[in-house]
Protein backbone atom coordinates (compact mmCIF):
# COMPACT_ATOMS: atom_id res chain seq x y z
CA MET A 1 -41.01 28.82 -43.17
CA LEU A 2 -41.66 25.87 -45.39
CA LYS A 3 -44.30 23.34 -44.49
CA ALA A 4 -43.29 19.70 -44.07
CA ASN A 5 -44.67 18.74 -47.48
CA GLN A 6 -42.56 21.50 -49.10
CA LEU A 7 -39.24 20.23 -47.75
CA ASN A 8 -37.10 19.37 -50.72
CA ILE A 9 -33.58 20.41 -51.64
CA SER A 10 -34.72 23.02 -54.17
CA ASN A 11 -37.10 24.77 -51.75
CA ILE A 12 -34.59 24.58 -48.92
CA ARG A 13 -31.91 26.21 -51.07
CA LYS A 14 -34.32 29.03 -51.95
CA GLU A 15 -35.13 29.59 -48.27
CA LEU A 16 -31.45 29.53 -47.32
CA GLU A 17 -30.73 32.15 -49.97
CA ILE A 18 -33.48 34.41 -48.57
CA ILE A 19 -32.15 33.89 -45.03
CA SER A 20 -28.59 34.64 -46.18
CA GLN A 21 -29.63 37.88 -47.86
CA GLU A 22 -31.48 39.08 -44.77
CA MET A 23 -28.57 38.07 -42.56
CA LEU A 24 -26.15 40.01 -44.76
CA VAL A 25 -28.20 43.15 -44.26
CA LEU A 26 -27.91 42.79 -40.48
CA ILE A 27 -24.23 41.84 -40.67
CA LYS A 28 -23.46 44.98 -42.67
CA LYS A 29 -25.75 47.24 -40.62
CA TYR A 30 -24.07 46.28 -37.34
CA GLU A 31 -20.59 45.55 -38.73
CA LEU A 32 -20.55 41.99 -37.45
CA THR A 33 -17.10 40.77 -38.38
CA ALA A 34 -16.65 37.64 -36.28
CA THR A 35 -14.13 35.22 -37.74
CA SER A 36 -15.61 32.21 -35.96
CA GLN A 37 -19.18 30.95 -35.93
CA LEU A 38 -18.82 30.58 -32.17
CA ASP A 39 -18.16 34.32 -31.86
CA VAL A 40 -21.07 35.47 -34.01
CA ILE A 41 -23.79 35.31 -31.34
CA GLU A 42 -21.60 37.02 -28.75
CA MET A 43 -20.68 39.75 -31.21
CA ALA A 44 -24.33 40.19 -32.19
CA ARG A 45 -25.31 40.47 -28.53
CA GLU A 46 -22.75 43.24 -28.07
CA LYS A 47 -23.30 45.18 -31.29
CA ILE A 48 -26.98 44.88 -32.21
CA ASN A 49 -28.66 47.57 -30.15
CA ASP A 50 -32.16 47.19 -31.60
CA LYS A 51 -34.00 44.40 -29.79
CA ASN A 52 -36.10 43.55 -32.84
CA ASP A 53 -33.00 43.23 -35.03
CA TYR A 54 -31.34 41.04 -32.42
CA ILE A 55 -34.37 38.77 -32.21
CA ARG A 56 -34.53 38.58 -36.01
CA PHE A 57 -30.81 37.77 -36.14
CA LEU A 58 -31.37 34.86 -33.74
CA GLU A 59 -34.43 33.69 -35.69
CA LEU A 60 -32.50 33.72 -38.95
CA SER A 61 -29.63 31.83 -37.32
CA LEU A 62 -32.01 29.18 -36.05
CA GLU A 63 -33.92 28.91 -39.33
CA GLY A 64 -30.67 28.52 -41.23
CA ARG A 65 -29.56 25.76 -38.89
CA ILE A 66 -32.88 23.94 -39.17
CA TYR A 67 -32.92 24.12 -42.96
CA GLY A 68 -29.29 23.01 -43.11
CA GLU A 69 -30.06 19.97 -40.99
CA ALA A 70 -33.18 19.20 -43.07
CA ALA A 71 -31.15 19.35 -46.28
CA THR A 72 -28.54 17.01 -44.81
CA ALA A 73 -31.23 14.55 -43.74
CA ILE A 74 -32.84 14.62 -47.20
CA GLU A 75 -29.48 14.15 -48.93
CA ASN A 76 -28.56 11.27 -46.58
CA ALA A 77 -31.92 9.59 -47.20
CA ALA A 78 -31.53 9.99 -50.96
CA SER A 79 -28.00 8.58 -50.76
CA LYS A 80 -29.19 5.54 -48.81
CA ASN A 81 -32.01 4.96 -51.31
CA THR A 82 -29.56 5.16 -54.21
CA LYS A 83 -27.24 2.64 -52.52
CA ASN A 84 -30.14 0.25 -51.87
CA ILE A 85 -31.18 0.35 -55.51
CA HIS A 86 -27.72 -0.67 -56.78
């Protein structure tokens, strides 16, 4: 995970790409085909039979969510700063 002083849009995008690639491996391995984000965790619980893979799936889900929220916060702050300058 990135440290607080490394949180910028470029680094976050790189981390999200790494997370996505690792998630895709698990999605393919366990044939996770949920059509709704709400169904993904339930489907993972049912289909992922290796405890370590399941834990990693949950970790990746959480990391992705955290980075997504951090990116939104950074973009919102940048947008507010841009509006204040003009």
